[in-house]
C-alpha cells in the first residue's frame, strides 16, 4: 500500500491471488439462496449513467442476477466531492483508460499491472468472464471516470483463507486514476460512499472488507476516516496486511 497520503488515494491495490491465476478461487458450493435469488428492478434504474453522462439500461442488463446484487443498477450517490457512481467496466470501451492508470508509477507499484494493454485486459477479462464474484468498475464522479474499483465477494475469494470470513462479506479495491484527485481526501470520501452503497444494496452483507499493507499508515488512516475499523493483522502471500472492516452494526457510529 502507498507510503504517503497523496499516494494513499491512488493505490489501494488488490489482495494477492496465490499462484497469480484467475483460476485460483475457493472451491465453494454456492448456497441455495444464492442460486434462487430473483432480482427485481431497482427504483433508480432510470438514473443509471454511462461515463459520458448518458443514461443506459444496458448497465443493468449486463449484471442482473449476479453474486453482488445487481451492482450495475446501484444508484448514484451524492458526496461532498460530487455525484459518484460505480459503472461496471466494458472492456472495449474502458481498456485504454484503465491501462493508462495502471501504468502510472504510483499505481503500478502496488497493482503490479504495468505494461501493454494486454496485461490490463487479462486482469479485467478474468473478472468479466468469471462467475460474478468480482466486478471491475469505473468510479465516475460528476460524469467523469476518475477511479477504478473492484467490488468482490471476500467470502468466496482466496482472501477468505486468511481471515475468519463470514457469508456475504464484500471486499473493495480502489485506485484513483487522475493525479489531480489525489492527496485531497477524495479516496476517503469514495471509500465511504462505496461501502455505504454495498451496505444499502446488499442486505445480507454485514461487513465490508479491505486489506491494505500494514506498513502504510496513511492507507490505514484513509480507511479509518471512512468508517472502517482495524480488525486484525493478517499474513497474505506478499504482505502483512491490516484487515479493515466496516460493520453494518457500527455504521452510524463511525
Protein backbone atom coordinates (compact mmCIF):
# COMPACT_ATOMS: atom_id res chain seq x y z
CA UNK A 1 0.00 0.00 0.00
CA UNK A 2 1.14 3.56 -0.64
CA UNK A 3 3.51 5.26 1.81
CA UNK A 4 2.08 8.79 1.79
CA UNK A 5 -1.32 10.42 1.96
CA UNK A 6 -1.04 11.56 -1.64
CA UNK A 7 -0.38 8.01 -2.74
CA UNK A 8 -2.95 6.51 -0.41
CA UNK A 9 -5.67 7.74 -2.73
CA UNK A 10 -4.07 6.15 -5.77
CA UNK A 11 -3.11 2.61 -4.93
CA UNK A 12 -5.36 0.63 -2.62
CA UNK A 13 -4.46 -2.40 -4.65
CA UNK A 14 -5.93 -5.87 -4.92
CA UNK A 15 -5.40 -8.66 -2.47
CA UNK A 16 -2.81 -11.10 -3.80
CA UNK A 17 -4.05 -14.17 -5.58
CA UNK A 18 -1.82 -17.09 -4.61
CA UNK A 19 -0.35 -18.54 -7.78
CA UNK A 20 -1.36 -15.46 -9.75
CA UNK A 21 -4.02 -17.12 -11.89
CA UNK A 22 -7.66 -16.31 -12.36
CA UNK A 23 -8.41 -19.97 -11.72
CA UNK A 24 -7.29 -19.61 -8.12
CA UNK A 25 -10.66 -19.28 -6.46
CA UNK A 26 -12.06 -21.04 -3.46
CA UNK A 27 -13.77 -24.26 -4.39
CA UNK A 28 -17.01 -23.45 -2.65
CA UNK A 29 -20.52 -24.63 -3.41
CA UNK A 30 -22.78 -21.65 -3.67
CA UNK A 31 -25.58 -21.76 -1.11
CA UNK A 32 -29.04 -22.47 -2.42
CA UNK A 33 -30.24 -18.98 -1.51
CA UNK A 34 -27.71 -17.53 -3.97
CA UNK A 35 -28.86 -19.78 -6.75
CA UNK A 36 -32.52 -18.97 -6.08
CA UNK A 37 -32.13 -15.20 -5.92
CA UNK A 38 -34.55 -13.27 -8.08
CA UNK A 39 -33.57 -9.65 -8.51
CA UNK A 40 -36.27 -7.06 -9.06
CA UNK A 41 -35.63 -3.81 -10.89
CA UNK A 42 -34.27 -1.07 -8.67
CA UNK A 43 -36.23 2.18 -8.42
CA UNK A 44 -33.21 4.14 -9.65
CA UNK A 45 -32.78 2.35 -13.00
CA UNK A 46 -33.79 5.46 -14.89
CA UNK A 47 -30.88 7.36 -13.34
CA UNK A 48 -28.16 4.90 -14.31
CA UNK A 49 -25.47 6.78 -16.26
CA UNK A 50 -22.67 5.93 -18.62
CA UNK A 51 -19.27 7.61 -18.09
CA UNK A 52 -20.28 10.30 -20.58
CA UNK A 53 -23.45 11.10 -18.67
CA UNK A 54 -25.87 9.30 -21.00
CA UNK A 55 -28.44 7.08 -19.33
CA UNK A 56 -28.43 3.44 -20.30
CA UNK A 57 -30.39 0.32 -19.39
CA UNK A 58 -27.54 -1.90 -20.62
CA UNK A 59 -25.53 -1.42 -17.42
CA UNK A 60 -28.30 -3.18 -15.52
CA UNK A 61 -28.98 -5.87 -18.08
CA UNK A 62 -25.33 -6.93 -18.19
CA UNK A 63 -25.09 -7.60 -14.47
CA UNK A 64 -28.61 -8.68 -13.47
CA UNK A 65 -28.69 -11.70 -11.20
CA UNK A 66 -25.02 -11.80 -10.21
CA UNK A 67 -23.48 -12.51 -6.81
CA UNK A 68 -23.27 -8.80 -5.95
CA UNK A 69 -26.95 -7.91 -6.04
CA UNK A 70 -27.14 -6.19 -9.41
CA UNK A 71 -24.24 -3.83 -8.86
CA UNK A 72 -24.85 -2.25 -12.25
CA UNK A 73 -28.22 -0.94 -11.01
CA UNK A 74 -26.89 0.82 -7.93
CA UNK A 75 -27.92 4.47 -7.75
CA UNK A 76 -25.57 7.42 -7.98
CA UNK A 77 -24.68 8.84 -4.57
CA UNK A 78 -24.13 12.46 -3.66
CA UNK A 79 -20.88 13.08 -1.76
CA UNK A 80 -19.01 16.20 -0.70
CA UNK A 81 -16.71 15.59 -3.69
CA UNK A 82 -19.59 15.41 -6.18
CA UNK A 83 -22.09 12.89 -7.53
CA UNK A 84 -20.49 9.46 -7.61
CA UNK A 85 -21.48 6.22 -9.33
CA UNK A 86 -19.98 2.79 -9.86
CA UNK A 87 -20.20 1.82 -13.54
CA UNK A 88 -19.26 -1.77 -14.46
CA UNK A 89 -16.33 -1.95 -16.87
CA UNK A 90 -16.90 -2.63 -20.56
CA UNK A 91 -13.59 -3.94 -21.87
CA UNK A 92 -13.70 -2.47 -25.37
CA UNK A 93 -14.69 0.96 -24.10
CA UNK A 94 -12.58 1.25 -20.94
CA UNK A 95 -9.39 -0.70 -21.61
CA UNK A 96 -7.25 2.20 -22.82
CA UNK A 97 -8.16 4.39 -19.86
CA UNK A 98 -7.57 1.73 -17.23
CA UNK A 99 -4.31 0.67 -18.89
CA UNK A 100 -3.09 4.27 -18.69
CA UNK A 101 -3.91 4.36 -14.98
CA UNK A 102 -2.19 1.03 -14.37
CA UNK A 103 0.99 2.44 -15.93
CA UNK A 104 1.10 5.39 -13.58
CA UNK A 105 4.21 4.80 -11.48
CA UNK A 106 2.40 5.16 -8.16
CA UNK A 107 -0.38 2.80 -9.13
CA UNK A 108 1.99 0.29 -10.76
CA UNK A 109 3.99 -0.07 -7.55
CA UNK A 110 1.04 -1.69 -5.82
CA UNK A 111 -1.20 -3.15 -8.51
CA UNK A 112 1.72 -4.62 -10.49
CA UNK A 113 -0.19 -4.38 -13.77
CA UNK A 114 2.05 -2.01 -15.69
CA UNK A 115 2.70 -2.87 -19.31
CA UNK A 116 0.79 -3.09 -22.59
CA UNK A 117 -2.98 -3.18 -22.70
CA UNK A 118 -2.85 -6.98 -22.90
CA UNK A 119 -1.77 -7.09 -19.25
CA UNK A 120 -4.72 -5.00 -18.12
CA UNK A 121 -7.08 -6.82 -20.47
CA UNK A 122 -6.15 -10.19 -18.97
CA UNK A 123 -6.76 -8.85 -15.46
CA UNK A 124 -10.16 -7.43 -16.39
CA UNK A 125 -11.23 -10.37 -18.54
CA UNK A 126 -10.62 -12.81 -15.67
CA UNK A 127 -13.32 -10.98 -13.74
CA UNK A 128 -15.67 -10.16 -16.61
CA UNK A 129 -15.71 -13.76 -17.82
CA UNK A 130 -15.91 -15.23 -14.32
CA UNK A 131 -18.93 -16.16 -12.25
CA UNK A 132 -19.63 -12.65 -10.99
CA UNK A 133 -17.89 -12.85 -7.64
CA UNK A 134 -15.70 -9.86 -8.61
CA UNK A 135 -16.91 -6.90 -10.69
CA UNK A 136 -14.46 -4.31 -12.05
CA UNK A 137 -15.94 -0.80 -12.15
CA UNK A 138 -15.13 2.72 -13.15
CA UNK A 139 -15.68 5.26 -10.41
CA UNK A 140 -17.49 8.12 -12.14
CA UNK A 141 -17.51 11.47 -10.33
CA UNK A 142 -19.74 14.18 -11.80
CA UNK A 143 -19.93 12.19 -15.06
CA UNK A 144 -16.13 11.88 -15.32
CA UNK A 145 -14.38 8.49 -14.95
CA UNK A 146 -11.63 9.15 -12.39
CA UNK A 147 -11.08 5.93 -10.42
CA UNK A 148 -11.15 2.16 -10.69
CA UNK A 149 -12.80 -0.19 -8.22
CA UNK A 150 -13.09 -3.92 -7.78
CA UNK A 151 -16.08 -4.97 -5.71
CA UNK A 152 -15.77 -8.62 -4.82
CA UNK A 153 -17.19 -11.35 -2.63
CA UNK A 154 -14.49 -11.64 0.01
CA UNK A 155 -16.12 -14.78 1.40
CA UNK A 156 -15.72 -16.50 -1.99
CA UNK A 157 -12.22 -15.15 -2.66
CA UNK A 158 -8.80 -16.62 -1.78
CA UNK A 159 -8.61 -13.85 0.83
CA UNK A 160 -11.08 -15.92 2.87
CA UNK A 161 -8.27 -18.40 3.55
CA UNK A 162 -6.52 -15.75 5.62
CA UNK A 163 -9.22 -14.37 7.90
CA UNK A 164 -12.44 -15.67 9.56
CA UNK A 165 -14.75 -14.87 6.66
CA UNK A 166 -18.50 -14.59 7.10
CA UNK A 167 -21.16 -15.19 4.46
CA UNK A 168 -21.62 -12.24 2.10
CA UNK A 169 -18.50 -10.36 3.24
CA UNK A 170 -17.81 -7.88 0.44
CA UNK A 171 -14.35 -6.57 -0.41
CA UNK A 172 -13.22 -3.40 -2.12
CA UNK A 173 -10.07 -2.39 -4.04
CA UNK A 174 -9.53 1.17 -5.22
CA UNK A 175 -7.19 3.29 -7.27
CA UNK A 176 -7.55 6.97 -8.11
CA UNK A 177 -6.60 7.39 -11.75
CA UNK A 178 -6.21 11.14 -12.08
CA UNK A 179 -3.34 12.80 -10.23
CA UNK A 180 -5.45 15.91 -9.67
CA UNK A 181 -7.78 13.90 -7.42
CA UNK A 182 -5.00 12.51 -5.23
CA UNK A 183 -3.95 13.87 -1.87
CA UNK A 184 -7.20 15.79 -1.32
CA UNK A 185 -9.07 13.21 0.73
CA UNK A 186 -11.10 12.07 -2.26
CA UNK A 187 -10.15 8.44 -1.64
CA UNK A 188 -11.69 8.50 1.84
CA UNK A 189 -14.87 10.11 0.51
CA UNK A 190 -15.22 7.45 -2.17
CA UNK A 191 -14.45 4.60 0.22
CA UNK A 192 -17.28 5.74 2.48
CA UNK A 193 -19.62 6.17 -0.49
CA UNK A 194 -18.84 2.73 -1.88
CA UNK A 195 -19.10 0.96 1.46
CA UNK A 196 -22.42 2.75 2.05
CA UNK A 197 -23.63 1.53 -1.33
CA UNK A 198 -22.62 -2.04 -0.51
CA UNK A 199 -24.46 -1.97 2.80
CA UNK A 200 -27.51 -0.31 1.27
CA UNK A 201 -27.79 -2.58 -1.75
CA UNK A 202 -26.61 -5.88 -0.25
CA UNK A 203 -28.93 -6.51 2.70
CA UNK A 204 -27.28 -9.85 3.53
CA UNK A 205 -23.82 -8.27 3.76
CA UNK A 206 -22.92 -7.41 7.34
CA UNK A 207 -19.32 -6.27 6.66
CA UNK A 208 -17.25 -4.52 4.01
CA UNK A 209 -13.63 -5.72 3.97
CA UNK A 210 -10.29 -4.26 2.84
CA UNK A 211 -6.64 -5.31 3.34
CA UNK A 212 -4.07 -2.51 2.92
CA UNK A 213 -0.42 -3.15 3.68
CA UNK A 214 0.07 -2.76 7.43
CA UNK A 215 3.23 -0.68 6.92
CA UNK A 216 1.33 2.05 5.14
CA UNK A 217 -0.16 4.06 7.96
CA UNK A 218 -1.74 6.66 5.63
CA UNK A 219 -3.68 3.92 3.82
CA UNK A 220 -4.97 2.53 7.10
CA UNK A 221 -5.87 6.08 8.16
CA UNK A 222 -7.86 6.59 4.96
CA UNK A 223 -9.99 3.58 5.80
CA UNK A 224 -10.37 4.66 9.42
CA UNK A 225 -11.59 8.08 8.32
CA UNK A 226 -14.18 6.46 6.05
CA UNK A 227 -15.84 4.35 8.74
CA UNK A 228 -13.66 1.23 8.78
CA UNK A 229 -12.00 -0.20 11.88
CA UNK A 230 -8.79 -2.15 12.21
CA UNK A 231 -9.93 -5.70 12.95
CA UNK A 232 -6.68 -7.67 12.82
CA UNK A 233 -3.27 -8.08 11.25
CA UNK A 234 -3.16 -10.90 8.72
CA UNK A 235 -0.39 -12.54 6.70
CA UNK A 236 -1.04 -12.63 2.98
CA UNK A 237 1.31 -14.23 0.43
CA UNK A 238 3.17 -10.99 -0.33
CA UNK A 239 2.47 -8.70 2.62
CA UNK A 240 1.34 -8.35 6.18
CA UNK A 241 -1.99 -6.60 5.92
CA UNK A 242 -4.32 -4.58 8.08
CA UNK A 243 -7.72 -6.22 7.92
CA UNK A 244 -10.06 -3.25 7.74
CA UNK A 245 -13.74 -3.83 8.41
CA UNK A 246 -16.78 -1.62 8.14
CA UNK A 247 -19.58 -3.21 10.15
CA UNK A 248 -23.23 -2.66 9.39
CA UNK A 249 -23.90 -2.60 13.15
CA UNK A 250 -21.39 0.22 13.71
CA UNK A 251 -22.18 2.14 10.55
CA UNK A 252 -23.90 5.05 12.29
CA UNK A 253 -21.13 5.37 14.87
CA UNK A 254 -18.00 5.50 12.68
